[in-house]
Amino acid sequence: MAVTLLPATGLRRARGGAVLGLRLDHEGAEMAEAKRKKQPKVTAEQARADIAAARARLSGDVREVVDEVHPRRIVQRQVEDAKSAARVELEAAKSQIKDADGWRWDRIALIGGAVGGLVAFVLVIRRLTRKR
């Protein structure tokens, strides 16, 4: 197989065009050797423990992703958000007509007057638009 060295990148390319990997010249080999020497030796038990910890982290992450994108959970979160927003709005409306001292009769009378005016308006409009 003919291999061509790509000078600007340090990559090797096969005749078909596939990139084979990095070229390790003398400096690259020295750097790789220095890196190997700096790394502490890991026992088999440490490696097993590291793999088990990584497996546990990944399985937790997968569960979180599934929980995040599952359609039922999306609907459930949307319903919870809507209920929460409705509770907040209800409490805001309640605070307008009732406070720590009791009912705010001025607000209740104002709301009653507005409702009565609306009913009267609708009745007048219905009477005017009725066909004779």
N, C-alpha and C. Protein backbone atom coordinates (compact mmCIF):
# COMPACT_ATOMS: atom_id res chain seq x y z
N MET A 1 0.85 -1.17 0.00
CA MET A 1 0.00 0.00 0.00
C MET A 1 0.90 1.24 0.00
N ALA A 2 0.64 2.16 -0.89
CA ALA A 2 1.41 3.39 -0.98
C ALA A 2 0.87 4.38 0.03
N VAL A 3 1.78 4.97 0.80
CA VAL A 3 1.39 5.94 1.83
C VAL A 3 2.07 7.25 1.52
N THR A 4 1.28 8.34 1.54
CA THR A 4 1.81 9.67 1.28
C THR A 4 1.77 10.47 2.57
N LEU A 5 2.83 11.18 2.86
CA LEU A 5 2.89 12.01 4.06
C LEU A 5 2.34 13.39 3.73
N LEU A 6 1.38 13.87 4.54
CA LEU A 6 0.85 15.22 4.36
C LEU A 6 1.71 16.16 5.20
N PRO A 7 2.56 16.97 4.58
CA PRO A 7 3.59 17.71 5.31
C PRO A 7 3.04 18.74 6.29
N ALA A 8 1.97 19.44 5.96
CA ALA A 8 1.51 20.53 6.83
C ALA A 8 0.83 19.99 8.09
N THR A 9 0.25 18.81 8.01
CA THR A 9 -0.53 18.30 9.14
C THR A 9 0.18 17.21 9.90
N GLY A 10 1.15 16.57 9.30
CA GLY A 10 1.80 15.45 9.96
C GLY A 10 0.99 14.17 9.84
N LEU A 11 -0.03 14.15 9.01
CA LEU A 11 -0.87 12.98 8.82
C LEU A 11 -0.36 12.14 7.66
N ARG A 12 -0.69 10.85 7.70
CA ARG A 12 -0.33 9.97 6.60
C ARG A 12 -1.60 9.64 5.84
N ARG A 13 -1.51 9.57 4.52
CA ARG A 13 -2.68 9.29 3.70
C ARG A 13 -2.36 8.08 2.80
N ALA A 14 -3.29 7.14 2.76
CA ALA A 14 -3.14 5.96 1.90
C ALA A 14 -3.47 6.34 0.47
N ARG A 15 -3.20 5.44 -0.48
CA ARG A 15 -3.43 5.73 -1.89
C ARG A 15 -4.91 6.01 -2.16
N GLY A 16 -5.83 5.34 -1.46
CA GLY A 16 -7.25 5.55 -1.67
C GLY A 16 -7.75 6.86 -1.08
N GLY A 17 -6.96 7.55 -0.29
CA GLY A 17 -7.36 8.83 0.26
C GLY A 17 -7.68 8.79 1.74
N ALA A 18 -7.68 7.61 2.37
CA ALA A 18 -8.01 7.52 3.79
C ALA A 18 -6.84 8.03 4.63
N VAL A 19 -7.14 8.81 5.64
CA VAL A 19 -6.11 9.31 6.54
C VAL A 19 -5.79 8.19 7.53
N LEU A 20 -4.52 7.83 7.64
CA LEU A 20 -4.13 6.70 8.47
C LEU A 20 -3.82 7.11 9.89
N GLY A 21 -3.35 8.28 10.14
CA GLY A 21 -3.02 8.67 11.50
C GLY A 21 -1.88 9.66 11.54
N LEU A 22 -1.45 9.97 12.72
CA LEU A 22 -0.38 10.94 12.90
C LEU A 22 0.97 10.32 12.62
N ARG A 23 1.83 11.13 12.11
CA ARG A 23 3.20 10.71 11.86
C ARG A 23 3.97 10.96 13.15
N LEU A 24 4.67 9.99 13.62
CA LEU A 24 5.52 10.18 14.80
C LEU A 24 6.96 10.27 14.33
N ASP A 25 7.48 11.46 14.38
CA ASP A 25 8.88 11.61 14.05
C ASP A 25 9.67 11.48 15.35
N HIS A 26 10.90 11.88 15.35
CA HIS A 26 11.77 11.72 16.52
C HIS A 26 11.21 12.51 17.71
N GLU A 27 10.78 13.77 17.50
CA GLU A 27 10.23 14.58 18.59
C GLU A 27 8.94 13.97 19.13
N GLY A 28 8.07 13.52 18.24
CA GLY A 28 6.81 12.91 18.66
C GLY A 28 7.04 11.67 19.49
N ALA A 29 8.00 10.88 19.13
CA ALA A 29 8.31 9.66 19.88
C ALA A 29 8.82 10.01 21.27
N GLU A 30 9.65 11.06 21.37
CA GLU A 30 10.16 11.49 22.67
C GLU A 30 9.04 12.00 23.56
N MET A 31 8.10 12.76 22.97
CA MET A 31 6.99 13.29 23.75
C MET A 31 6.10 12.16 24.24
N ALA A 32 5.84 11.16 23.39
CA ALA A 32 5.01 10.03 23.78
C ALA A 32 5.68 9.25 24.90
N GLU A 33 7.00 9.08 24.83
CA GLU A 33 7.74 8.35 25.86
C GLU A 33 7.71 9.13 27.19
N ALA A 34 7.86 10.44 27.13
CA ALA A 34 7.82 11.26 28.35
C ALA A 34 6.43 11.20 28.98
N LYS A 35 5.41 11.18 28.16
CA LYS A 35 4.04 11.13 28.66
C LYS A 35 3.81 9.78 29.36
N ARG A 36 4.32 8.71 28.78
CA ARG A 36 4.17 7.39 29.39
C ARG A 36 4.89 7.32 30.72
N LYS A 37 6.04 7.95 30.84
CA LYS A 37 6.82 7.91 32.07
C LYS A 37 6.13 8.70 33.19
N LYS A 38 5.44 9.80 32.84
CA LYS A 38 4.79 10.64 33.85
C LYS A 38 3.54 10.01 34.44
N GLN A 39 2.90 9.13 33.68
CA GLN A 39 1.66 8.54 34.16
C GLN A 39 1.97 7.49 35.21
N PRO A 40 1.23 7.56 36.36
CA PRO A 40 1.48 6.55 37.39
C PRO A 40 0.95 5.20 36.93
N LYS A 41 1.56 4.16 37.47
CA LYS A 41 1.11 2.81 37.11
C LYS A 41 -0.20 2.54 37.82
N VAL A 42 -1.13 1.96 37.10
CA VAL A 42 -2.45 1.66 37.62
C VAL A 42 -2.58 0.16 37.79
N THR A 43 -3.04 -0.25 38.98
CA THR A 43 -3.22 -1.68 39.22
C THR A 43 -4.51 -2.13 38.55
N ALA A 44 -4.65 -3.44 38.44
CA ALA A 44 -5.85 -3.99 37.82
C ALA A 44 -7.09 -3.64 38.64
N GLU A 45 -6.96 -3.66 39.96
CA GLU A 45 -8.11 -3.32 40.82
C GLU A 45 -8.51 -1.86 40.65
N GLN A 46 -7.52 -0.97 40.54
CA GLN A 46 -7.82 0.45 40.31
C GLN A 46 -8.52 0.64 38.96
N ALA A 47 -8.04 -0.06 37.96
CA ALA A 47 -8.65 0.04 36.63
C ALA A 47 -10.09 -0.47 36.67
N ARG A 48 -10.32 -1.60 37.35
CA ARG A 48 -11.68 -2.12 37.48
C ARG A 48 -12.58 -1.13 38.21
N ALA A 49 -12.05 -0.53 39.28
CA ALA A 49 -12.84 0.44 40.05
C ALA A 49 -13.16 1.67 39.20
N ASP A 50 -12.17 2.12 38.42
CA ASP A 50 -12.40 3.27 37.54
C ASP A 50 -13.46 2.95 36.49
N ILE A 51 -13.39 1.76 35.93
CA ILE A 51 -14.37 1.35 34.91
C ILE A 51 -15.76 1.26 35.53
N ALA A 52 -15.85 0.69 36.73
CA ALA A 52 -17.15 0.56 37.40
C ALA A 52 -17.73 1.95 37.70
N ALA A 53 -16.88 2.88 38.16
CA ALA A 53 -17.36 4.23 38.45
C ALA A 53 -17.82 4.92 37.17
N ALA A 54 -17.06 4.76 36.09
CA ALA A 54 -17.45 5.37 34.82
C ALA A 54 -18.76 4.75 34.31
N ARG A 55 -18.90 3.44 34.46
CA ARG A 55 -20.14 2.77 34.04
C ARG A 55 -21.33 3.31 34.84
N ALA A 56 -21.16 3.50 36.14
CA ALA A 56 -22.25 4.02 36.98
C ALA A 56 -22.62 5.45 36.57
N ARG A 57 -21.60 6.27 36.30
CA ARG A 57 -21.86 7.66 35.85
C ARG A 57 -22.62 7.66 34.53
N LEU A 58 -22.18 6.83 33.60
CA LEU A 58 -22.82 6.78 32.29
C LEU A 58 -24.25 6.27 32.37
N SER A 59 -24.49 5.25 33.19
CA SER A 59 -25.85 4.73 33.29
C SER A 59 -26.77 5.78 33.91
N GLY A 60 -26.27 6.55 34.88
CA GLY A 60 -27.06 7.65 35.45
C GLY A 60 -27.35 8.71 34.40
N ASP A 61 -26.35 9.02 33.59
CA ASP A 61 -26.54 10.02 32.54
C ASP A 61 -27.57 9.55 31.51
N VAL A 62 -27.51 8.27 31.16
CA VAL A 62 -28.46 7.73 30.19
C VAL A 62 -29.87 7.80 30.75
N ARG A 63 -30.03 7.45 32.05
CA ARG A 63 -31.36 7.53 32.67
C ARG A 63 -31.88 8.96 32.65
N GLU A 64 -31.00 9.92 32.92
CA GLU A 64 -31.41 11.33 32.90
C GLU A 64 -31.84 11.77 31.50
N VAL A 65 -31.10 11.35 30.49
CA VAL A 65 -31.43 11.72 29.11
C VAL A 65 -32.77 11.11 28.71
N VAL A 66 -32.97 9.84 29.04
CA VAL A 66 -34.24 9.18 28.71
C VAL A 66 -35.38 9.89 29.42
N ASP A 67 -35.19 10.24 30.69
CA ASP A 67 -36.22 10.94 31.45
C ASP A 67 -36.50 12.31 30.84
N GLU A 68 -35.48 12.95 30.33
CA GLU A 68 -35.62 14.29 29.75
C GLU A 68 -36.40 14.29 28.44
N VAL A 69 -36.22 13.27 27.62
CA VAL A 69 -36.80 13.29 26.27
C VAL A 69 -38.01 12.37 26.10
N HIS A 70 -38.36 11.59 27.12
CA HIS A 70 -39.50 10.68 26.99
C HIS A 70 -40.80 11.49 26.88
N PRO A 71 -41.66 11.18 25.91
CA PRO A 71 -42.87 11.97 25.69
C PRO A 71 -43.78 12.08 26.91
N ARG A 72 -43.93 10.99 27.66
CA ARG A 72 -44.78 11.06 28.86
C ARG A 72 -44.23 12.03 29.89
N ARG A 73 -42.91 12.02 30.06
CA ARG A 73 -42.30 12.94 31.03
C ARG A 73 -42.41 14.38 30.55
N ILE A 74 -42.32 14.60 29.25
CA ILE A 74 -42.48 15.96 28.72
C ILE A 74 -43.88 16.45 29.01
N VAL A 75 -44.89 15.61 28.76
CA VAL A 75 -46.28 15.99 29.03
C VAL A 75 -46.46 16.23 30.52
N GLN A 76 -45.90 15.35 31.33
CA GLN A 76 -46.03 15.49 32.78
C GLN A 76 -45.41 16.81 33.27
N ARG A 77 -44.25 17.15 32.74
CA ARG A 77 -43.62 18.42 33.14
C ARG A 77 -44.46 19.61 32.71
N GLN A 78 -45.03 19.54 31.49
CA GLN A 78 -45.86 20.64 31.00
C GLN A 78 -47.10 20.81 31.87
N VAL A 79 -47.72 19.69 32.27
CA VAL A 79 -48.91 19.75 33.13
C VAL A 79 -48.53 20.35 34.49
N GLU A 80 -47.41 19.91 35.04
CA GLU A 80 -46.96 20.45 36.33
C GLU A 80 -46.69 21.95 36.23
N ASP A 81 -46.08 22.39 35.14
CA ASP A 81 -45.82 23.81 34.94
C ASP A 81 -47.12 24.61 34.82
N ALA A 82 -48.10 24.06 34.10
CA ALA A 82 -49.38 24.74 33.94
C ALA A 82 -50.11 24.84 35.28
N LYS A 83 -50.09 23.75 36.06
CA LYS A 83 -50.73 23.77 37.38
C LYS A 83 -50.06 24.80 38.29
N SER A 84 -48.76 24.83 38.25
CA SER A 84 -48.02 25.78 39.08
C SER A 84 -48.35 27.22 38.68
N ALA A 85 -48.41 27.50 37.39
CA ALA A 85 -48.75 28.85 36.93
C ALA A 85 -50.18 29.21 37.33
N ALA A 86 -51.10 28.23 37.25
CA ALA A 86 -52.49 28.50 37.64
C ALA A 86 -52.57 28.80 39.13
N ARG A 87 -51.81 28.07 39.95
CA ARG A 87 -51.80 28.33 41.40
C ARG A 87 -51.29 29.73 41.70
N VAL A 88 -50.24 30.12 41.02
CA VAL A 88 -49.67 31.45 41.24
C VAL A 88 -50.68 32.53 40.86
N GLU A 89 -51.34 32.37 39.73
CA GLU A 89 -52.33 33.36 39.29
C GLU A 89 -53.54 33.40 40.24
N LEU A 90 -53.97 32.24 40.73
CA LEU A 90 -55.08 32.19 41.67
C LEU A 90 -54.73 32.91 42.97
N GLU A 91 -53.53 32.69 43.45
CA GLU A 91 -53.09 33.38 44.67
C GLU A 91 -53.01 34.88 44.45
N ALA A 92 -52.57 35.30 43.27
CA ALA A 92 -52.51 36.73 42.97
C ALA A 92 -53.91 37.33 42.93
N ALA A 93 -54.86 36.60 42.34
CA ALA A 93 -56.25 37.09 42.28
C ALA A 93 -56.85 37.14 43.68
N LYS A 94 -56.58 36.12 44.50
CA LYS A 94 -57.10 36.11 45.87
C LYS A 94 -56.55 37.28 46.68
N SER A 95 -55.29 37.58 46.46
CA SER A 95 -54.69 38.67 47.23
C SER A 95 -55.30 40.02 46.88
N GLN A 96 -55.94 40.11 45.71
CA GLN A 96 -56.60 41.36 45.32
C GLN A 96 -57.90 41.58 46.09
N ILE A 97 -58.59 40.50 46.50
CA ILE A 97 -59.88 40.68 47.18
C ILE A 97 -59.85 40.27 48.65
N LYS A 98 -58.78 39.63 49.10
CA LYS A 98 -58.68 39.24 50.50
C LYS A 98 -57.25 39.41 50.94
N ASP A 99 -57.08 40.08 52.06
CA ASP A 99 -55.74 40.26 52.60
C ASP A 99 -55.71 39.77 54.04
N ALA A 100 -54.67 40.10 54.78
CA ALA A 100 -54.52 39.63 56.16
C ALA A 100 -55.62 40.16 57.07
N ASP A 101 -56.18 41.33 56.76
CA ASP A 101 -57.24 41.93 57.59
C ASP A 101 -58.61 41.36 57.26
N GLY A 102 -58.77 40.62 56.18
CA GLY A 102 -60.06 40.05 55.80
C GLY A 102 -60.43 40.45 54.39
N TRP A 103 -61.73 40.39 54.09
CA TRP A 103 -62.22 40.69 52.75
C TRP A 103 -62.07 42.18 52.45
N ARG A 104 -61.72 42.47 51.21
CA ARG A 104 -61.65 43.87 50.77
C ARG A 104 -62.94 44.18 50.04
N TRP A 105 -63.94 44.70 50.80
CA TRP A 105 -65.28 44.91 50.26
C TRP A 105 -65.30 45.94 49.15
N ASP A 106 -64.37 46.87 49.16
CA ASP A 106 -64.34 47.84 48.07
C ASP A 106 -64.02 47.15 46.74
N ARG A 107 -63.10 46.20 46.76
CA ARG A 107 -62.75 45.45 45.54
C ARG A 107 -63.89 44.53 45.12
N ILE A 108 -64.54 43.89 46.10
CA ILE A 108 -65.65 42.99 45.78
C ILE A 108 -66.79 43.78 45.13
N ALA A 109 -67.08 44.98 45.66
CA ALA A 109 -68.13 45.81 45.08
C ALA A 109 -67.75 46.25 43.67
N LEU A 110 -66.50 46.58 43.46
CA LEU A 110 -66.03 46.98 42.13
C LEU A 110 -66.17 45.83 41.14
N ILE A 111 -65.79 44.62 41.54
CA ILE A 111 -65.91 43.45 40.66
C ILE A 111 -67.39 43.15 40.39
N GLY A 112 -68.23 43.24 41.43
CA GLY A 112 -69.66 43.01 41.25
C GLY A 112 -70.27 44.00 40.29
N GLY A 113 -69.89 45.26 40.41
CA GLY A 113 -70.39 46.29 39.50
C GLY A 113 -69.97 46.03 38.07
N ALA A 114 -68.74 45.59 37.88
CA ALA A 114 -68.24 45.30 36.53
C ALA A 114 -68.99 44.12 35.92
N VAL A 115 -69.23 43.08 36.71
CA VAL A 115 -69.97 41.92 36.21
C VAL A 115 -71.40 42.32 35.87
N GLY A 116 -72.04 43.11 36.76
CA GLY A 116 -73.40 43.57 36.49
C GLY A 116 -73.47 44.42 35.23
N GLY A 117 -72.52 45.29 35.02
CA GLY A 117 -72.47 46.12 33.82
C GLY A 117 -72.30 45.27 32.57
N LEU A 118 -71.49 44.24 32.65
CA LEU A 118 -71.28 43.35 31.51
C LEU A 118 -72.57 42.61 31.16
N VAL A 119 -73.25 42.11 32.17
CA VAL A 119 -74.50 41.40 31.94
C VAL A 119 -75.52 42.34 31.30
N ALA A 120 -75.64 43.56 31.82
CA ALA A 120 -76.58 44.52 31.26
C ALA A 120 -76.22 44.84 29.81
N PHE A 121 -74.95 45.00 29.51
CA PHE A 121 -74.50 45.28 28.15
C PHE A 121 -74.88 44.15 27.20
N VAL A 122 -74.64 42.92 27.61
CA VAL A 122 -74.96 41.76 26.77
C VAL A 122 -76.46 41.69 26.53
N LEU A 123 -77.27 41.93 27.58
CA LEU A 123 -78.73 41.88 27.41
C LEU A 123 -79.23 42.96 26.45
N VAL A 124 -78.68 44.16 26.55
CA VAL A 124 -79.08 45.24 25.65
C VAL A 124 -78.69 44.89 24.21
N ILE A 125 -77.51 44.40 24.00
CA ILE A 125 -77.06 44.03 22.65
C ILE A 125 -77.94 42.92 22.10
N ARG A 126 -78.27 41.94 22.90
CA ARG A 126 -79.15 40.86 22.42
C ARG A 126 -80.52 41.39 22.04
N ARG A 127 -81.04 42.31 22.85
CA ARG A 127 -82.36 42.88 22.56
C ARG A 127 -82.33 43.66 21.26
N LEU A 128 -81.25 44.41 21.02
CA LEU A 128 -81.15 45.23 19.81
C LEU A 128 -80.92 44.38 18.55
N THR A 129 -80.27 43.28 18.68
CA THR A 129 -79.96 42.49 17.50
C THR A 129 -80.99 41.40 17.22
N ARG A 130 -81.99 41.27 18.08
CA ARG A 130 -83.05 40.28 17.85
C ARG A 130 -83.85 40.64 16.61
N LYS A 131 -84.20 39.64 15.88
CA LYS A 131 -85.03 39.87 14.69
C LYS A 131 -86.48 39.99 15.14
N ARG A 132 -87.20 40.91 14.56
CA ARG A 132 -88.59 41.10 14.95
C ARG A 132 -89.50 40.35 14.07
